[in-house]
C-alpha atoms as a PDB file:
ATOM      1  CA  MET A   1      56.220  93.963  32.061  1.00  0.00           C
ATOM      2  CA  ASN A   2      56.142  90.616  30.589  1.00  0.00           C
ATOM      3  CA  THR A   3      57.405  91.041  27.190  1.00  0.00           C
ATOM      4  CA  ARG A   4      56.951  87.553  26.083  1.00  0.00           C
ATOM      5  CA  PRO A   5      53.379  87.433  25.615  1.00  0.00           C
ATOM      6  CA  GLN A   6      53.167  90.807  23.770  1.00  0.00           C
ATOM      7  CA  LEU A   7      55.744  89.603  21.102  1.00  0.00           C
ATOM      8  CA  ARG A   8      54.137  86.127  20.695  1.00  0.00           C
ATOM      9  CA  ARG A   9      50.671  88.264  19.952  1.00  0.00           C
ATOM     10  CA  ILE A  10      51.911  90.602  17.511  1.00  0.00           C
ATOM     11  CA  VAL A  11      53.889  88.115  15.555  1.00  0.00           C
ATOM     12  CA  SER A  12      50.318  85.586  15.499  1.00  0.00           C
ATOM     13  CA  LEU A  13      48.763  88.692  14.245  1.00  0.00           C
ATOM     14  CA  LEU A  14      51.125  89.402  11.221  1.00  0.00           C
ATOM     15  CA  VAL A  15      51.275  85.649  10.377  1.00  0.00           C
ATOM     16  CA  GLY A  16      47.375  85.562  10.928  1.00  0.00           C
ATOM     17  CA  ILE A  17      46.922  88.685   8.678  1.00  0.00           C
ATOM     18  CA  VAL A  18      49.485  87.639   5.812  1.00  0.00           C
ATOM     19  CA  ALA A  19      47.740  84.110   5.525  1.00  0.00           C
ATOM     20  CA  VAL A  20      44.022  85.367   5.921  1.00  0.00           C
ATOM     21  CA  GLY A  21      44.881  87.898   3.074  1.00  0.00           C
ATOM     22  CA  THR A  22      47.091  84.881   0.558  1.00  0.00           C
ATOM     23  CA  VAL A  23      43.938  82.875   0.697  1.00  0.00           C
ATOM     24  CA  GLY A  24      41.856  85.433   0.462  1.00  0.00           C
ATOM     25  CA  TYR A  25      43.568  86.606  -2.738  1.00  0.00           C
ATOM     26  CA  ARG A  26      43.483  82.769  -4.293  1.00  0.00           C
ATOM     27  CA  TRP A  27      40.017  82.533  -3.460  1.00  0.00           C
ATOM     28  CA  LEU A  28      38.377  86.094  -4.888  1.00  0.00           C
ATOM     29  CA  GLU A  29      40.856  86.136  -7.829  1.00  0.00           C
ATOM     30  CA  GLY A  30      41.999  82.780  -8.611  1.00  0.00           C
ATOM     31  CA  TRP A  31      45.780  83.756  -8.193  1.00  0.00           C
ATOM     32  CA  GLY A  32      48.450  81.505  -7.193  1.00  0.00           C
ATOM     33  CA  TRP A  33      49.941  80.987  -4.155  1.00  0.00           C
ATOM     34  CA  GLU A  34      53.441  83.033  -5.372  1.00  0.00           C
ATOM     35  CA  ASP A  35      51.255  85.767  -6.537  1.00  0.00           C
ATOM     36  CA  SER A  36      48.825  86.181  -3.810  1.00  0.00           C
ATOM     37  CA  LEU A  37      51.561  86.079  -1.125  1.00  0.00           C
ATOM     38  CA  TYR A  38      53.506  88.736  -3.299  1.00  0.00           C
ATOM     39  CA  MET A  39      50.127  91.069  -3.362  1.00  0.00           C
ATOM     40  CA  VAL A  40      49.928  90.518   0.519  1.00  0.00           C
ATOM     41  CA  LEU A  41      53.268  91.502   1.126  1.00  0.00           C
ATOM     42  CA  ILE A  42      53.241  94.941  -0.963  1.00  0.00           C
ATOM     43  CA  THR A  43      49.911  95.956   0.324  1.00  0.00           C
ATOM     44  CA  LEU A  44      51.094  95.394   3.803  1.00  0.00           C
ATOM     45  CA  SER A  45      54.350  97.119   3.479  1.00  0.00           C
ATOM     46  CA  THR A  46      52.836  99.947   1.471  1.00  0.00           C
ATOM     47  CA  ILE A  47      55.597  99.936  -0.726  1.00  0.00           C
ATOM     48  CA  GLY A  48      53.124 101.046  -3.874  1.00  0.00           C
ATOM     49  CA  TYR A  49      54.591  98.721  -6.580  1.00  0.00           C
ATOM     50  CA  GLY A  50      50.684  98.521  -7.996  1.00  0.00           C
ATOM     51  CA  GLU A  51      48.502  95.669  -8.400  1.00  0.00           C
ATOM     52  CA  VAL A  52      50.374  92.115  -9.514  1.00  0.00           C
ATOM     53  CA  ARG A  53      47.452  91.595 -11.993  1.00  0.00           C
ATOM     54  CA  PRO A  54      44.145  93.379 -12.406  1.00  0.00           C
ATOM     55  CA  LEU A  55      41.665  93.113  -9.669  1.00  0.00           C
ATOM     56  CA  GLY A  56      37.811  92.702  -9.459  1.00  0.00           C
ATOM     57  CA  PRO A  57      35.339  94.624  -7.430  1.00  0.00           C
ATOM     58  CA  GLU A  58      35.573  92.074  -4.946  1.00  0.00           C
ATOM     59  CA  GLY A  59      39.607  92.092  -5.171  1.00  0.00           C
ATOM     60  CA  ARG A  60      39.641  95.896  -4.620  1.00  0.00           C
ATOM     61  CA  LEU A  61      37.342  96.144  -1.138  1.00  0.00           C
ATOM     62  CA  PHE A  62      39.211  92.925   0.369  1.00  0.00           C
ATOM     63  CA  THR A  63      42.355  95.020  -0.879  1.00  0.00           C
ATOM     64  CA  MET A  64      40.966  97.987   1.013  1.00  0.00           C
ATOM     65  CA  PHE A  65      40.026  95.847   4.334  1.00  0.00           C
ATOM     66  CA  LEU A  66      43.740  94.413   3.946  1.00  0.00           C
ATOM     67  CA  ILE A  67      45.493  97.986   3.756  1.00  0.00           C
ATOM     68  CA  VAL A  68      43.242  99.379   6.695  1.00  0.00           C
ATOM     69  CA  ALA A  69      43.945  96.346   9.052  1.00  0.00           C
ATOM     70  CA  GLY A  70      47.475  95.915   7.945  1.00  0.00           C
ATOM     71  CA  VAL A  71      48.388  99.451   8.740  1.00  0.00           C
ATOM     72  CA  GLY A  72      46.815  99.737  11.717  1.00  0.00           C
ATOM     73  CA  LEU A  73      48.584  95.815  12.397  1.00  0.00           C
ATOM     74  CA  MET A  74      51.908  97.627  11.715  1.00  0.00           C
ATOM     75  CA  THR A  75      51.297 100.547  14.140  1.00  0.00           C
ATOM     76  CA  TYR A  76      50.073  98.985  16.763  1.00  0.00           C
ATOM     77  CA  SER A  77      53.250  96.501  16.560  1.00  0.00           C
ATOM     78  CA  VAL A  78      55.885  99.302  15.991  1.00  0.00           C
ATOM     79  CA  GLY A  79      53.948 100.867  18.801  1.00  0.00           C
ATOM     80  CA  THR A  80      54.213  98.265  21.412  1.00  0.00           C
ATOM     81  CA  LEU A  81      57.567  97.159  20.142  1.00  0.00           C
ATOM     82  CA  GLY A  82      58.560 101.266  21.047  1.00  0.00           C
ATOM     83  CA  ARG A  83      56.589 100.854  24.285  1.00  0.00           C
ATOM     84  CA  MET A  84      58.651  98.125  25.254  1.00  0.00           C
ATOM     85  CA  VAL A  85      62.074  99.350  24.169  1.00  0.00           C
ATOM     86  CA  VAL A  86      61.260 102.564  25.949  1.00  0.00           C
ATOM     87  CA  GLU A  87      59.820 101.170  29.457  1.00  0.00           C
ATOM     88  CA  GLY A  88      62.647  98.591  29.473  1.00  0.00           C
ATOM     89  CA  GLU A  89      65.144 101.606  29.635  1.00  0.00           C
ATOM     90  CA  VAL A  90      63.102 103.281  31.871  1.00  0.00           C
ATOM     91  CA  GLN A  91      62.775 100.415  34.660  1.00  0.00           C
ATOM     92  CA  ALA A  92      66.685  99.681  33.993  1.00  0.00           C
ATOM     93  CA  LEU A  93      66.999 103.429  35.448  1.00  0.00           C
ATOM     94  CA  LEU A  94      64.963 103.351  37.692  1.00  0.00           C
ATOM     95  CA  GLY A  95      66.143  99.755  38.905  1.00  0.00           C
ATOM     96  CA  ARG A  96      69.591 101.462  39.086  1.00  0.00           C
ATOM     97  CA  ARG A  97      68.393 104.592  41.175  1.00  0.00           C
ATOM     98  CA  ARG A  98      66.790 101.903  43.283  1.00  0.00           C
ATOM     99  CA  ARG A  99      70.034 100.009  43.821  1.00  0.00           C
ATOM    100  CA  MET A 100      72.030 103.340  44.099  1.00  0.00           C
ATOM    101  CA  SER A 101      69.520 104.713  46.844  1.00  0.00           C
ATOM    102  CA  LYS A 102      69.830 101.000  48.810  1.00  0.00           C
ATOM    103  CA  ILE A 103      73.302 101.188  48.527  1.00  0.00           C
ATOM    104  CA  ARG A 104      73.799 105.181  50.185  1.00  0.00           C
ATOM    105  CA  LYS A 105      71.705 103.727  53.022  1.00  0.00           C
ATOM    106  CA  LEU A 106      74.509 101.067  53.942  1.00  0.00           C
ATOM    107  CA  ARG A 107      76.614 101.526  57.206  1.00  0.00           C
ATOM    108  CA  ASP A 108      79.179  98.928  58.323  1.00  0.00           C
ATOM    109  CA  HIS A 109      78.950  96.987  55.025  1.00  0.00           C
ATOM    110  CA  TYR A 110      81.515  94.838  53.120  1.00  0.00           C
ATOM    111  CA  VAL A 111      82.308  95.432  49.084  1.00  0.00           C
ATOM    112  CA  ILE A 112      82.597  92.292  46.881  1.00  0.00           C
ATOM    113  CA  CYS A 113      85.000  93.086  44.083  1.00  0.00           C
ATOM    114  CA  GLY A 114      84.557  90.604  41.113  1.00  0.00           C
ATOM    115  CA  PHE A 115      81.401  88.081  40.921  1.00  0.00           C
ATOM    116  CA  GLY A 116      83.601  85.105  39.241  1.00  0.00           C
ATOM    117  CA  ARG A 117      83.366  82.159  41.174  1.00  0.00           C
ATOM    118  CA  ILE A 118      84.960  82.945  44.399  1.00  0.00           C
ATOM    119  CA  GLY A 119      83.337  86.371  44.597  1.00  0.00           C
ATOM    120  CA  ARG A 120      79.868  84.752  44.327  1.00  0.00           C
ATOM    121  CA  LEU A 121      80.483  81.864  46.900  1.00  0.00           C
ATOM    122  CA  VAL A 122      81.468  85.155  49.059  1.00  0.00           C
ATOM    123  CA  ALA A 123      78.478  86.742  48.472  1.00  0.00           C
ATOM    124  CA  GLN A 124      76.310  83.742  48.938  1.00  0.00           C
ATOM    125  CA  GLU A 125      77.949  83.155  52.627  1.00  0.00           C
ATOM    126  CA  PHE A 126      77.259  87.063  53.164  1.00  0.00           C
ATOM    127  CA  GLU A 127      73.694  86.628  52.505  1.00  0.00           C
ATOM    128  CA  ARG A 128      73.356  83.566  54.454  1.00  0.00           C
ATOM    129  CA  LYS A 129      74.724  85.181  57.673  1.00  0.00           C
ATOM    130  CA  PRO A 130      73.441  87.551  56.671  1.00  0.00           C
ATOM    131  CA  ILE A 131      75.789  90.468  56.149  1.00  0.00           C
ATOM    132  CA  PRO A 132      75.050  93.474  54.138  1.00  0.00           C
ATOM    133  CA  PHE A 133      77.493  94.009  50.721  1.00  0.00           C
ATOM    134  CA  VAL A 134      77.552  95.425  47.425  1.00  0.00           C
ATOM    135  CA  VAL A 135      78.812  94.007  44.280  1.00  0.00           C
ATOM    136  CA  VAL A 136      81.335  95.526  42.272  1.00  0.00           C
ATOM    137  CA  GLU A 137      81.224  94.153  38.970  1.00  0.00           C
ATOM    138  CA  ARG A 138      82.305  95.360  35.394  1.00  0.00           C
ATOM    139  CA  ASP A 139      81.858  92.581  33.095  1.00  0.00           C
ATOM    140  CA  GLU A 140      78.280  92.359  31.759  1.00  0.00           C
ATOM    141  CA  ALA A 141      78.384  88.787  31.176  1.00  0.00           C
ATOM    142  CA  GLN A 142      78.673  88.460  34.646  1.00  0.00           C
ATOM    143  CA  VAL A 143      76.690  91.476  35.561  1.00  0.00           C
ATOM    144  CA  VAL A 144      73.421  89.688  34.211  1.00  0.00           C
ATOM    145  CA  LYS A 145      74.080  86.587  36.554  1.00  0.00           C
ATOM    146  CA  ILE A 146      74.045  88.303  39.852  1.00  0.00           C
ATOM    147  CA  PRO A 147      70.851  88.162  41.643  1.00  0.00           C
ATOM    148  CA  GLU A 148      68.451  91.134  41.165  1.00  0.00           C
ATOM    149  CA  HIS A 149      68.181  91.155  45.016  1.00  0.00           C
ATOM    150  CA  TYR A 150      72.193  91.874  45.825  1.00  0.00           C
ATOM    151  CA  PRO A 151      73.080  95.663  45.504  1.00  0.00           C
ATOM    152  CA  VAL A 152      75.449  95.721  42.491  1.00  0.00           C
ATOM    153  CA  VAL A 153      77.061  98.708  40.970  1.00  0.00           C
ATOM    154  CA  VAL A 154      78.678  97.870  37.485  1.00  0.00           C
ATOM    155  CA  GLY A 155      82.093  99.758  36.660  1.00  0.00           C
ATOM    156  CA  ASP A 156      85.611  99.139  36.955  1.00  0.00           C
ATOM    157  CA  ALA A 157      86.833  98.373  41.021  1.00  0.00           C
ATOM    158  CA  THR A 158      89.932 100.116  40.291  1.00  0.00           C
ATOM    159  CA  GLU A 159      88.320 103.345  39.554  1.00  0.00           C
ATOM    160  CA  GLU A 160      87.924 105.445  42.738  1.00  0.00           C
ATOM    161  CA  ASP A 161      84.267 106.612  41.670  1.00  0.00           C
ATOM    162  CA  VAL A 162      83.192 103.245  41.358  1.00  0.00           C
ATOM    163  CA  LEU A 163      84.479 101.984  44.965  1.00  0.00           C
ATOM    164  CA  LEU A 164      82.519 105.442  46.139  1.00  0.00           C
ATOM    165  CA  GLN A 165      79.524 104.624  44.650  1.00  0.00           C
ATOM    166  CA  ALA A 166      79.908 100.983  46.592  1.00  0.00           C
ATOM    167  CA  GLY A 167      80.229 103.474  49.709  1.00  0.00           C
ATOM    168  CA  ILE A 168      83.668 102.564  50.162  1.00  0.00           C
ATOM    169  CA  GLU A 169      83.949 105.220  53.236  1.00  0.00           C
ATOM    170  CA  ARG A 170      81.362 103.492  55.150  1.00  0.00           C
ATOM    171  CA  ALA A 171      82.087 100.154  54.586  1.00  0.00           C
ATOM    172  CA  GLN A 172      83.541  97.721  57.129  1.00  0.00           C
ATOM    173  CA  GLY A 173      85.763  95.653  54.823  1.00  0.00           C
ATOM    174  CA  LEU A 174      86.695  94.699  50.946  1.00  0.00           C
ATOM    175  CA  VAL A 175      87.030  91.313  49.836  1.00  0.00           C
ATOM    176  CA  THR A 176      89.091  91.953  46.272  1.00  0.00           C
ATOM    177  CA  ALA A 177      88.141  88.733  44.388  1.00  0.00           C
ATOM    178  CA  LEU A 178      89.587  89.718  40.946  1.00  0.00           C
ATOM    179  CA  HIS A 179      91.227  87.609  38.781  1.00  0.00           C
ATOM    180  CA  SER A 180      94.182  89.654  38.298  1.00  0.00           C
ATOM    181  CA  ASP A 181      96.830  89.974  40.765  1.00  0.00           C
ATOM    182  CA  ALA A 182      97.469  93.652  39.567  1.00  0.00           C
ATOM    183  CA  ASP A 183      94.137  94.317  39.806  1.00  0.00           C
ATOM    184  CA  ASN A 184      93.527  93.045  43.290  1.00  0.00           C
ATOM    185  CA  LEU A 185      96.596  95.160  44.042  1.00  0.00           C
ATOM    186  CA  PHE A 186      95.004  98.215  42.484  1.00  0.00           C
ATOM    187  CA  VAL A 187      91.781  97.830  44.372  1.00  0.00           C
ATOM    188  CA  THR A 188      93.648  97.175  47.587  1.00  0.00           C
ATOM    189  CA  LEU A 189      95.660 100.416  47.254  1.00  0.00           C
ATOM    190  CA  THR A 190      92.735 102.750  45.863  1.00  0.00           C
ATOM    191  CA  ALA A 191      90.318 101.320  49.178  1.00  0.00           C
ATOM    192  CA  ARG A 192      93.216 101.868  51.912  1.00  0.00           C
ATOM    193  CA  GLY A 193      93.673 105.455  50.482  1.00  0.00           C
ATOM    194  CA  LEU A 194      89.913 105.960  50.558  1.00  0.00           C
ATOM    195  CA  ASN A 195      89.295 104.230  54.048  1.00  0.00           C
ATOM    196  CA  PRO A 196      92.204 103.699  55.957  1.00  0.00           C
ATOM    197  CA  ASN A 197      89.940 101.603  58.636  1.00  0.00           C
ATOM    198  CA  LEU A 198      88.991  99.301  56.082  1.00  0.00           C
ATOM    199  CA  PHE A 199      89.308  95.279  56.359  1.00  0.00           C
ATOM    200  CA  ILE A 200      90.651  94.212  53.205  1.00  0.00           C
ATOM    201  CA  LEU A 201      90.940  90.706  51.925  1.00  0.00           C
ATOM    202  CA  ALA A 202      92.777  90.210  49.044  1.00  0.00           C
ATOM    203  CA  ARG A 203      92.650  87.329  46.772  1.00  0.00           C
ATOM    204  CA  TYR A 204      96.547  86.041  44.710  1.00  0.00           C
ATOM    205  CA  GLU A 205      97.284  83.628  42.319  1.00  0.00           C
ATOM    206  CA  GLU A 206     100.939  84.050  42.138  1.00  0.00           C
ATOM    207  CA  GLU A 207     103.168  83.713  45.403  1.00  0.00           C
ATOM    208  CA  ARG A 208     105.540  86.853  44.506  1.00  0.00           C
ATOM    209  CA  SER A 209     101.887  88.867  44.923  1.00  0.00           C
ATOM    210  CA  LYS A 210     101.532  87.964  48.319  1.00  0.00           C
ATOM    211  CA  SER A 211     103.757  90.394  49.965  1.00  0.00           C
ATOM    212  CA  LYS A 212     102.938  93.219  47.737  1.00  0.00           C
ATOM    213  CA  LEU A 213      99.163  93.128  48.414  1.00  0.00           C
ATOM    214  CA  LEU A 214     100.307  93.385  52.342  1.00  0.00           C
ATOM    215  CA  GLN A 215     102.723  96.368  51.973  1.00  0.00           C
ATOM    216  CA  ALA A 216      99.961  97.558  49.409  1.00  0.00           C
ATOM    217  CA  GLY A 217      97.498  97.908  52.653  1.00  0.00           C
ATOM    218  CA  ALA A 218      95.298  94.237  52.682  1.00  0.00           C
ATOM    219  CA  ASP A 219      94.718  92.950  56.304  1.00  0.00           C
ATOM    220  CA  ARG A 220      94.392  89.315  54.910  1.00  0.00           C
ATOM    221  CA  VAL A 221      95.577  87.595  52.059  1.00  0.00           C
ATOM    222  CA  VAL A 222      94.207  84.440  50.667  1.00  0.00           C
ATOM    223  CA  SER A 223      95.264  81.772  47.506  1.00  0.00           C
ATOM    224  CA  PRO A 224      92.158  79.944  46.408  1.00  0.00           C
ATOM    225  CA  TYR A 225      94.433  77.381  45.108  1.00  0.00           C
ATOM    226  CA  LEU A 226      96.536  76.758  47.979  1.00  0.00           C
ATOM    227  CA  ILE A 227      93.568  76.405  50.564  1.00  0.00           C
ATOM    228  CA  GLY A 228      92.172  74.163  48.040  1.00  0.00           C
ATOM    229  CA  GLY A 229      95.324  72.097  47.926  1.00  0.00           C
ATOM    230  CA  SER A 230      95.881  72.209  51.346  1.00  0.00           C
ATOM    231  CA  ARG A 231      91.877  71.243  52.342  1.00  0.00           C
ATOM    232  CA  MET A 232      92.274  68.437  49.733  1.00  0.00           C
ATOM    233  CA  ALA A 233      95.045  66.862  51.330  1.00  0.00           C
ATOM    234  CA  MET A 234      93.931  66.806  54.994  1.00  0.00           C
ATOM    235  CA  ALA A 235      90.856  65.492  53.603  1.00  0.00           C
ATOM    236  CA  VAL A 236      92.959  62.711  52.513  1.00  0.00           C
ATOM    237  CA  LEU A 237      95.237  62.772  55.866  1.00  0.00           C
ATOM    238  CA  ARG A 238      92.904  63.757  58.473  1.00  0.00           C
ATOM    239  CA  PRO A 239      89.538  63.329  57.189  1.00  0.00           C
ATOM    240  CA  SER A 240      88.100  63.743  60.699  1.00  0.00           C
ATOM    241  CA  VAL A 241      89.705  66.868  60.919  1.00  0.00           C
ATOM    242  CA  ILE A 242      87.977  68.077  57.829  1.00  0.00           C
ATOM    243  CA  ASP A 243      84.379  66.757  59.176  1.00  0.00           C
ATOM    244  CA  PHE A 244      84.889  69.095  62.534  1.00  0.00           C
ATOM    245  CA  ILE A 245      85.776  72.031  60.239  1.00  0.00           C
ATOM    246  CA  GLU A 246      83.062  71.429  58.109  1.00  0.00           C
ATOM    247  CA  LEU A 247      80.586  70.844  61.183  1.00  0.00           C
ATOM    248  CA  ALA A 248      82.221  74.112  62.643  1.00  0.00           C
ATOM    249  CA  THR A 249      81.831  76.802  59.875  1.00  0.00           C
ATOM    250  CA  GLY A 250      79.331  75.455  57.316  1.00  0.00           C
ATOM    251  CA  SER A 251      77.081  72.903  59.193  1.00  0.00           C
ATOM    252  CA  GLU A 252      73.094  74.118  58.968  1.00  0.00           C
ATOM    253  CA  SER A 253      71.771  70.380  59.673  1.00  0.00           C
ATOM    254  CA  LEU A 254      73.316  70.890  63.262  1.00  0.00           C
ATOM    255  CA  GLY A 255      72.638  74.623  63.581  1.00  0.00           C
ATOM    256  CA  LEU A 256      76.082  74.905  65.189  1.00  0.00           C
ATOM    257  CA  GLN A 257      78.292  77.727  63.686  1.00  0.00           C
ATOM    258  CA  MET A 258      81.982  79.102  64.718  1.00  0.00           C
ATOM    259  CA  GLU A 259      82.220  82.514  65.197  1.00  0.00           C
ATOM    260  CA  GLU A 260      84.656  85.578  66.176  1.00  0.00           C
ATOM    261  CA  VAL A 261      83.238  87.797  68.579  1.00  0.00           C
ATOM    262  CA  LEU A 262      85.035  91.397  69.658  1.00  0.00           C
ATOM    263  CA  LEU A 263      84.150  92.390  73.495  1.00  0.00           C
ATOM    264  CA  ALA A 264      83.769  96.206  73.432  1.00  0.00           C
ATOM    265  CA  GLU A 265      84.991  98.253  76.081  1.00  0.00           C
ATOM    266  CA  GLU A 266      81.594  98.762  77.428  1.00  0.00           C
ATOM    267  CA  SER A 267      81.059  94.894  77.489  1.00  0.00           C
ATOM    268  CA  PRO A 268      80.116  93.316  80.514  1.00  0.00           C
ATOM    269  CA  LEU A 269      82.013  90.602  79.773  1.00  0.00           C
ATOM    270  CA  ALA A 270      85.375  92.083  79.527  1.00  0.00           C
ATOM    271  CA  GLY A 271      87.415  90.895  82.810  1.00  0.00           C
ATOM    272  CA  VAL A 272      85.321  88.426  83.777  1.00  0.00           C
ATOM    273  CA  PRO A 273      86.558  85.056  83.972  1.00  0.00           C
ATOM    274  CA  LEU A 274      84.803  82.297  81.751  1.00  0.00           C
ATOM    275  CA  ALA A 275      83.289  80.355  84.609  1.00  0.00           C
ATOM    276  CA  GLU A 276      81.777  83.229  86.033  1.00  0.00           C
ATOM    277  CA  SER A 277      80.262  84.774  82.192  1.00  0.00           C
ATOM    278  CA  PRO A 278      76.976  83.408  81.136  1.00  0.00           C
ATOM    279  CA  ILE A 279      78.870  82.514  77.796  1.00  0.00           C
ATOM    280  CA  ARG A 280      79.288  78.596  79.057  1.00  0.00           C
ATOM    281  CA  SER A 281      76.326  78.676  81.684  1.00  0.00           C
ATOM    282  CA  GLU A 282      73.677  79.972  79.866  1.00  0.00           C
ATOM    283  CA  LEU A 283      74.385  80.611  76.458  1.00  0.00           C
ATOM    284  CA  ASP A 284      75.760  76.862  75.886  1.00  0.00           C
ATOM    285  CA  ILE A 285      78.537  78.130  73.861  1.00  0.00           C
ATOM    286  CA  MET A 286      82.140  76.806  73.525  1.00  0.00           C
ATOM    287  CA  VAL A 287      84.885  79.192  74.076  1.00  0.00           C
ATOM    288  CA  VAL A 288      87.539  77.255  71.248  1.00  0.00           C
ATOM    289  CA  ALA A 289      90.324  80.259  71.643  1.00  0.00           C
ATOM    290  CA  ILE A 290      90.825  84.006  72.388  1.00  0.00           C
ATOM    291  CA  LYS A 291      92.941  86.211  70.628  1.00  0.00           C
ATOM    292  CA  ARG A 292      94.262  89.252  72.676  1.00  0.00           C
ATOM    293  CA  ARG A 293      94.897  92.497  71.553  1.00  0.00           C
ATOM    294  CA  SER A 294      98.608  91.918  70.943  1.00  0.00           C
ATOM    295  CA  GLY A 295      97.886  89.017  68.580  1.00  0.00           C
ATOM    296  CA  HIS A 296      98.577  86.390  71.307  1.00  0.00           C
ATOM    297  CA  MET A 297      96.116  83.748  70.398  1.00  0.00           C
ATOM    298  CA  GLU A 298      95.127  81.422  73.335  1.00  0.00           C
ATOM    299  CA  PHE A 299      93.790  78.082  72.231  1.00  0.00           C
ATOM    300  CA  ASN A 300      91.410  76.242  74.657  1.00  0.00           C
ATOM    301  CA  PRO A 301      91.146  78.635  77.582  1.00  0.00           C
ATOM    302  CA  SER A 302      90.422  77.410  81.032  1.00  0.00           C
ATOM    303  CA  ALA A 303      87.751  78.445  83.252  1.00  0.00           C
ATOM    304  CA  ARG A 304      90.112  81.145  84.906  1.00  0.00           C
ATOM    305  CA  THR A 305      90.863  83.008  81.874  1.00  0.00           C
ATOM    306  CA  ARG A 306      89.738  86.643  81.918  1.00  0.00           C
ATOM    307  CA  PRO A 307      88.756  87.694  78.209  1.00  0.00           C
ATOM    308  CA  GLU A 308      89.449  91.400  78.058  1.00  0.00           C
ATOM    309  CA  ALA A 309      87.996  94.461  75.745  1.00  0.00           C
ATOM    310  CA  GLY A 310      89.735  94.380  72.840  1.00  0.00           C
ATOM    311  CA  ASP A 311      90.073  90.202  72.627  1.00  0.00           C
ATOM    312  CA  ARG A 312      88.373  87.987  70.076  1.00  0.00           C
ATOM    313  CA  LEU A 313      86.601  85.038  71.254  1.00  0.00           C
ATOM    314  CA  ILE A 314      86.584  82.249  69.018  1.00  0.00           C
ATOM    315  CA  VAL A 315      83.291  80.417  69.543  1.00  0.00           C
ATOM    316  CA  ILE A 316      81.171  77.746  68.439  1.00  0.00           C
ATOM    317  CA  GLY A 317      77.587  77.359  69.200  1.00  0.00           C
ATOM    318  CA  GLU A 318      73.293  77.535  67.630  1.00  0.00           C
ATOM    319  CA  ARG A 319      73.033  80.947  65.698  1.00  0.00           C
ATOM    320  CA  GLU A 320      70.754  81.962  68.385  1.00  0.00           C
ATOM    321  CA  HIS A 321      72.732  82.055  71.134  1.00  0.00           C
ATOM    322  CA  LEU A 322      76.205  83.351  68.974  1.00  0.00           C
ATOM    323  CA  GLN A 323      73.644  86.545  67.971  1.00  0.00           C
ATOM    324  CA  ARG A 324      73.003  86.749  71.994  1.00  0.00           C
ATOM    325  CA  LEU A 325      76.654  86.947  72.820  1.00  0.00           C
ATOM    326  CA  ASP A 326      77.411  89.065  69.699  1.00  0.00           C
ATOM    327  CA  ALA A 327      75.002  91.522  71.500  1.00  0.00           C
ATOM    328  CA  ILE A 328      76.388  91.189  74.856  1.00  0.00           C
ATOM    329  CA  ALA A 329      79.912  91.531  73.460  1.00  0.00           C
ATOM    330  CA  ARG A 330      79.193  94.760  71.846  1.00  0.00           C
ATOM    331  CA  GLY A 331      77.426  95.773  75.226  1.00  0.00           C
ATOM    332  CA  LYS A 332      74.108  95.993  73.235  1.00  0.00           C
ATOM    333  CA  GLY A 333      72.413  93.274  75.821  1.00  0.00           C
ATOM    334  CA  GLU A 334      72.420  91.904  79.462  1.00  0.00           C
ATOM    335  CA  ALA A 335      75.080  89.371  80.545  1.00  0.00           C
END
């Protein structure tokens, strides 16, 4: 419900009846502006102080009209304001229920803890892919900034109950981007205990926190300041490299993306040389590197290279072609 027009209507009616009443007493009884306004206010408020001055017949009739109109208007105003408050609370409650119902249906999603500058950028990138996610934020000032279509759990991400509300046990990954290293450490410990298979990316600021987060169960740790400083230095020293990275990871104009694709056991691409697979010939996708199941990284693999199940392909191509490759890699599509 749009409350602004109703509020404007109530204020306009109140101002209007006060103005009409003031002018009416001045015209009918010949009172001054101050006495006329005072009479209107005590009449509308039903305080019952009595008449400012003795009223004539016309003044009494006008006062009766003012009482009926004023009391009716006050009743309407109070009822409308009360309804807006109640409906606002009901709408908020229904909104929370809808969000929780949506969250309960999510599977293999990501949980973003904290909606500051870093968390907001992560959410925007996930939305662009699109990748399902849930935002966990405790600060009401940040909660109001979250887009309405984002699934949100309002609460402290360090609490087990809050993470469970976000579906942590069904999630694929978690990004903890809170401002405090201690909070990120606690979120990592709690999330790892609730979901041992969860991929956890943790933000850190102090260098000494890096090893602690890894020991607590984080799979990756990231320092925004370290990455930002390194990126700025590279932009000065190797600007063409930065151009390539931005082209591969963030280009929308050319439709190119860099992605990571995991080969499942049932994938028809497993064990097939790149020269014989449809990756290059049909999908026109460039294989930049292969990360073996052992963790070894092979850059610029040759046409004779055979990716195996469990390997991860680092590829560049158009979004539609990458989506087809992902389906084939998961064994959900035909090679």
